[in-house]
Amino acid sequence: MIQLGFILEAFTPQERNIWMKANVPGIARVLYNLLGRRQYESYYRLIYDARPS
């Protein structure tokens, strides 16, 4: 989930939605929204001492 967060960081919000629908299975999208995004943001803050965009 953390790696997915770093991949999504490269996209605009609209591009993220399009890319997720095209490349990530539905259950993984749900899990990312429920758990993965928080894991990614926590890890990002730990490494960069900043909030991800």
PDB file of N, CA and C in Angstrom:
ATOM      1  N   MET A   1       0.817  -1.193   0.000  1.00  0.00           N
ATOM      2  CA  MET A   1       0.000   0.000   0.000  1.00  0.00           C
ATOM      3  C   MET A   1       0.862   1.258   0.000  1.00  0.00           C
ATOM      4  N   ILE A   2       1.994   1.195   0.679  1.00  0.00           N
ATOM      5  CA  ILE A   2       2.883   2.350   0.715  1.00  0.00           C
ATOM      6  C   ILE A   2       3.446   2.614  -0.675  1.00  0.00           C
ATOM      7  N   GLN A   3       3.814   1.562  -1.381  1.00  0.00           N
ATOM      8  CA  GLN A   3       4.340   1.724  -2.735  1.00  0.00           C
ATOM      9  C   GLN A   3       3.276   2.306  -3.657  1.00  0.00           C
ATOM     10  N   LEU A   4       2.044   1.860  -3.504  1.00  0.00           N
ATOM     11  CA  LEU A   4       0.958   2.408  -4.313  1.00  0.00           C
ATOM     12  C   LEU A   4       0.807   3.898  -4.042  1.00  0.00           C
ATOM     13  N   GLY A   5       0.942   4.313  -2.810  1.00  0.00           N
ATOM     14  CA  GLY A   5       0.872   5.730  -2.470  1.00  0.00           C
ATOM     15  C   GLY A   5       1.938   6.538  -3.189  1.00  0.00           C
ATOM     16  N   PHE A   6       3.164   6.003  -3.248  1.00  0.00           N
ATOM     17  CA  PHE A   6       4.230   6.714  -3.950  1.00  0.00           C
ATOM     18  C   PHE A   6       3.964   6.771  -5.452  1.00  0.00           C
ATOM     19  N   ILE A   7       3.368   5.729  -6.007  1.00  0.00           N
ATOM     20  CA  ILE A   7       3.005   5.754  -7.431  1.00  0.00           C
ATOM     21  C   ILE A   7       1.962   6.838  -7.672  1.00  0.00           C
ATOM     22  N   LEU A   8       0.952   6.881  -6.842  1.00  0.00           N
ATOM     23  CA  LEU A   8      -0.139   7.844  -7.013  1.00  0.00           C
ATOM     24  C   LEU A   8       0.310   9.281  -6.803  1.00  0.00           C
ATOM     25  N   GLU A   9       1.363   9.479  -6.045  1.00  0.00           N
ATOM     26  CA  GLU A   9       1.878  10.830  -5.771  1.00  0.00           C
ATOM     27  C   GLU A   9       2.256  11.563  -7.058  1.00  0.00           C
ATOM     28  N   ALA A  10       2.613  10.809  -8.092  1.00  0.00           N
ATOM     29  CA  ALA A  10       3.062  11.414  -9.348  1.00  0.00           C
ATOM     30  C   ALA A  10       1.908  11.964 -10.184  1.00  0.00           C
ATOM     31  N   PHE A  11       0.673  11.636  -9.826  1.00  0.00           N
ATOM     32  CA  PHE A  11      -0.489  12.028 -10.618  1.00  0.00           C
ATOM     33  C   PHE A  11      -1.271  13.170  -9.980  1.00  0.00           C
ATOM     34  N   THR A  12      -2.029  13.872 -10.804  1.00  0.00           N
ATOM     35  CA  THR A  12      -2.996  14.827 -10.283  1.00  0.00           C
ATOM     36  C   THR A  12      -4.169  14.026  -9.713  1.00  0.00           C
ATOM     37  N   PRO A  13      -5.041  14.629  -8.905  1.00  0.00           N
ATOM     38  CA  PRO A  13      -6.179  13.883  -8.357  1.00  0.00           C
ATOM     39  C   PRO A  13      -7.051  13.222  -9.430  1.00  0.00           C
ATOM     40  N   GLN A  14      -7.297  13.914 -10.533  1.00  0.00           N
ATOM     41  CA  GLN A  14      -8.098  13.317 -11.614  1.00  0.00           C
ATOM     42  C   GLN A  14      -7.372  12.146 -12.251  1.00  0.00           C
ATOM     43  N   GLU A  15      -6.084  12.307 -12.488  1.00  0.00           N
ATOM     44  CA  GLU A  15      -5.292  11.229 -13.080  1.00  0.00           C
ATOM     45  C   GLU A  15      -5.230  10.026 -12.149  1.00  0.00           C
ATOM     46  N   ARG A  16      -5.173  10.285 -10.841  1.00  0.00           N
ATOM     47  CA  ARG A  16      -5.146   9.188  -9.872  1.00  0.00           C
ATOM     48  C   ARG A  16      -6.379   8.318 -10.005  1.00  0.00           C
ATOM     49  N   ASN A  17      -7.548   8.950 -10.072  1.00  0.00           N
ATOM     50  CA  ASN A  17      -8.790   8.188 -10.190  1.00  0.00           C
ATOM     51  C   ASN A  17      -8.814   7.359 -11.464  1.00  0.00           C
ATOM     52  N   ILE A  18      -8.416   7.952 -12.565  1.00  0.00           N
ATOM     53  CA  ILE A  18      -8.398   7.239 -13.841  1.00  0.00           C
ATOM     54  C   ILE A  18      -7.418   6.076 -13.782  1.00  0.00           C
ATOM     55  N   TRP A  19      -6.214   6.327 -13.262  1.00  0.00           N
ATOM     56  CA  TRP A  19      -5.181   5.297 -13.203  1.00  0.00           C
ATOM     57  C   TRP A  19      -5.608   4.165 -12.277  1.00  0.00           C
ATOM     58  N   MET A  20      -6.173   4.506 -11.134  1.00  0.00           N
ATOM     59  CA  MET A  20      -6.614   3.477 -10.187  1.00  0.00           C
ATOM     60  C   MET A  20      -7.680   2.582 -10.813  1.00  0.00           C
ATOM     61  N   LYS A  21      -8.665   3.168 -11.487  1.00  0.00           N
ATOM     62  CA  LYS A  21      -9.724   2.368 -12.106  1.00  0.00           C
ATOM     63  C   LYS A  21      -9.187   1.466 -13.205  1.00  0.00           C
ATOM     64  N   ALA A  22      -8.175   1.932 -13.921  1.00  0.00           N
ATOM     65  CA  ALA A  22      -7.618   1.166 -15.031  1.00  0.00           C
ATOM     66  C   ALA A  22      -6.624   0.094 -14.588  1.00  0.00           C
ATOM     67  N   ASN A  23      -5.964   0.275 -13.444  1.00  0.00           N
ATOM     68  CA  ASN A  23      -4.841  -0.597 -13.092  1.00  0.00           C
ATOM     69  C   ASN A  23      -4.940  -1.328 -11.761  1.00  0.00           C
ATOM     70  N   VAL A  24      -5.883  -0.974 -10.925  1.00  0.00           N
ATOM     71  CA  VAL A  24      -5.953  -1.572  -9.591  1.00  0.00           C
ATOM     72  C   VAL A  24      -7.318  -2.242  -9.429  1.00  0.00           C
ATOM     73  N   PRO A  25      -7.325  -3.522  -9.023  1.00  0.00           N
ATOM     74  CA  PRO A  25      -8.613  -4.207  -8.814  1.00  0.00           C
ATOM     75  C   PRO A  25      -9.463  -3.499  -7.766  1.00  0.00           C
ATOM     76  N   GLY A  26     -10.759  -3.649  -7.881  1.00  0.00           N
ATOM     77  CA  GLY A  26     -11.706  -2.955  -7.008  1.00  0.00           C
ATOM     78  C   GLY A  26     -11.445  -3.147  -5.535  1.00  0.00           C
ATOM     79  N   ILE A  27     -11.205  -4.377  -5.087  1.00  0.00           N
ATOM     80  CA  ILE A  27     -10.986  -4.624  -3.663  1.00  0.00           C
ATOM     81  C   ILE A  27      -9.723  -3.921  -3.174  1.00  0.00           C
ATOM     82  N   ALA A  28      -8.707  -3.863  -4.015  1.00  0.00           N
ATOM     83  CA  ALA A  28      -7.469  -3.168  -3.636  1.00  0.00           C
ATOM     84  C   ALA A  28      -7.712  -1.666  -3.532  1.00  0.00           C
ATOM     85  N   ARG A  29      -8.563  -1.109  -4.411  1.00  0.00           N
ATOM     86  CA  ARG A  29      -8.894   0.315  -4.309  1.00  0.00           C
ATOM     87  C   ARG A  29      -9.606   0.610  -2.999  1.00  0.00           C
ATOM     88  N   VAL A  30     -10.536  -0.265  -2.628  1.00  0.00           N
ATOM     89  CA  VAL A  30     -11.262  -0.086  -1.367  1.00  0.00           C
ATOM     90  C   VAL A  30     -10.302  -0.166  -0.190  1.00  0.00           C
ATOM     91  N   LEU A  31      -9.429  -1.173  -0.192  1.00  0.00           N
ATOM     92  CA  LEU A  31      -8.468  -1.324   0.900  1.00  0.00           C
ATOM     93  C   LEU A  31      -7.510  -0.144   0.974  1.00  0.00           C
ATOM     94  N   TYR A  32      -7.105   0.363  -0.184  1.00  0.00           N
ATOM     95  CA  TYR A  32      -6.210   1.523  -0.167  1.00  0.00           C
ATOM     96  C   TYR A  32      -6.913   2.720   0.456  1.00  0.00           C
ATOM     97  N   ASN A  33      -8.171   2.940   0.085  1.00  0.00           N
ATOM     98  CA  ASN A  33      -8.911   4.077   0.639  1.00  0.00           C
ATOM     99  C   ASN A  33      -9.180   3.913   2.129  1.00  0.00           C
ATOM    100  N   LEU A  34      -9.392   2.683   2.594  1.00  0.00           N
ATOM    101  CA  LEU A  34      -9.670   2.451   4.006  1.00  0.00           C
ATOM    102  C   LEU A  34      -8.406   2.438   4.865  1.00  0.00           C
ATOM    103  N   LEU A  35      -7.350   1.818   4.371  1.00  0.00           N
ATOM    104  CA  LEU A  35      -6.156   1.605   5.188  1.00  0.00           C
ATOM    105  C   LEU A  35      -4.871   2.147   4.579  1.00  0.00           C
ATOM    106  N   GLY A  36      -4.700   1.896   3.308  1.00  0.00           N
ATOM    107  CA  GLY A  36      -3.426   2.172   2.657  1.00  0.00           C
ATOM    108  C   GLY A  36      -3.036   3.629   2.614  1.00  0.00           C
ATOM    109  N   ARG A  37      -3.995   4.484   2.384  1.00  0.00           N
ATOM    110  CA  ARG A  37      -3.678   5.916   2.303  1.00  0.00           C
ATOM    111  C   ARG A  37      -3.086   6.418   3.622  1.00  0.00           C
ATOM    112  N   ARG A  38      -3.675   5.985   4.742  1.00  0.00           N
ATOM    113  CA  ARG A  38      -3.138   6.393   6.050  1.00  0.00           C
ATOM    114  C   ARG A  38      -1.746   5.821   6.279  1.00  0.00           C
ATOM    115  N   GLN A  39      -1.530   4.568   5.859  1.00  0.00           N
ATOM    116  CA  GLN A  39      -0.196   3.972   5.985  1.00  0.00           C
ATOM    117  C   GLN A  39       0.817   4.772   5.183  1.00  0.00           C
ATOM    118  N   TYR A  40       0.453   5.093   3.947  1.00  0.00           N
ATOM    119  CA  TYR A  40       1.342   5.861   3.082  1.00  0.00           C
ATOM    120  C   TYR A  40       1.641   7.236   3.683  1.00  0.00           C
ATOM    121  N   GLU A  41       0.601   7.949   4.113  1.00  0.00           N
ATOM    122  CA  GLU A  41       0.800   9.291   4.666  1.00  0.00           C
ATOM    123  C   GLU A  41       1.674   9.248   5.918  1.00  0.00           C
ATOM    124  N   SER A  42       1.478   8.251   6.753  1.00  0.00           N
ATOM    125  CA  SER A  42       2.293   8.109   7.953  1.00  0.00           C
ATOM    126  C   SER A  42       3.758   7.861   7.586  1.00  0.00           C
ATOM    127  N   TYR A  43       3.985   6.984   6.643  1.00  0.00           N
ATOM    128  CA  TYR A  43       5.344   6.679   6.210  1.00  0.00           C
ATOM    129  C   TYR A  43       5.986   7.895   5.555  1.00  0.00           C
ATOM    130  N   TYR A  44       5.228   8.610   4.735  1.00  0.00           N
ATOM    131  CA  TYR A  44       5.734   9.806   4.059  1.00  0.00           C
ATOM    132  C   TYR A  44       6.186  10.845   5.083  1.00  0.00           C
ATOM    133  N   ARG A  45       5.355  11.070   6.108  1.00  0.00           N
ATOM    134  CA  ARG A  45       5.713  12.040   7.154  1.00  0.00           C
ATOM    135  C   ARG A  45       6.960  11.600   7.913  1.00  0.00           C
ATOM    136  N   LEU A  46       7.091  10.302   8.139  1.00  0.00           N
ATOM    137  CA  LEU A  46       8.261   9.785   8.832  1.00  0.00           C
ATOM    138  C   LEU A  46       9.535  10.046   8.032  1.00  0.00           C
ATOM    139  N   ILE A  47       9.485   9.838   6.733  1.00  0.00           N
ATOM    140  CA  ILE A  47      10.656   9.990   5.876  1.00  0.00           C
ATOM    141  C   ILE A  47      10.956  11.454   5.563  1.00  0.00           C
ATOM    142  N   TYR A  48       9.939  12.235   5.180  1.00  0.00           N
ATOM    143  CA  TYR A  48      10.154  13.593   4.687  1.00  0.00           C
ATOM    144  C   TYR A  48       9.790  14.698   5.677  1.00  0.00           C
ATOM    145  N   ASP A  49       9.205  14.341   6.808  1.00  0.00           N
ATOM    146  CA  ASP A  49       8.775  15.323   7.801  1.00  0.00           C
ATOM    147  C   ASP A  49       7.870  16.392   7.169  1.00  0.00           C
ATOM    148  N   ALA A  50       6.992  15.925   6.292  1.00  0.00           N
ATOM    149  CA  ALA A  50       6.031  16.801   5.607  1.00  0.00           C
ATOM    150  C   ALA A  50       4.823  15.970   5.218  1.00  0.00           C
ATOM    151  N   ARG A  51       3.742  16.643   4.877  1.00  0.00           N
ATOM    152  CA  ARG A  51       2.545  15.953   4.415  1.00  0.00           C
ATOM    153  C   ARG A  51       2.631  15.727   2.912  1.00  0.00           C
ATOM    154  N   PRO A  52       2.166  14.572   2.440  1.00  0.00           N
ATOM    155  CA  PRO A  52       2.148  14.360   0.985  1.00  0.00           C
ATOM    156  C   PRO A  52       1.078  15.228   0.327  1.00  0.00           C
ATOM    157  N   SER A  53       1.246  15.475  -0.947  1.00  0.00           N
ATOM    158  CA  SER A  53       0.266  16.320  -1.649  1.00  0.00           C
ATOM    159  C   SER A  53      -0.965  15.559  -2.035  1.00  0.00           C
TER     160      SER A  53
END
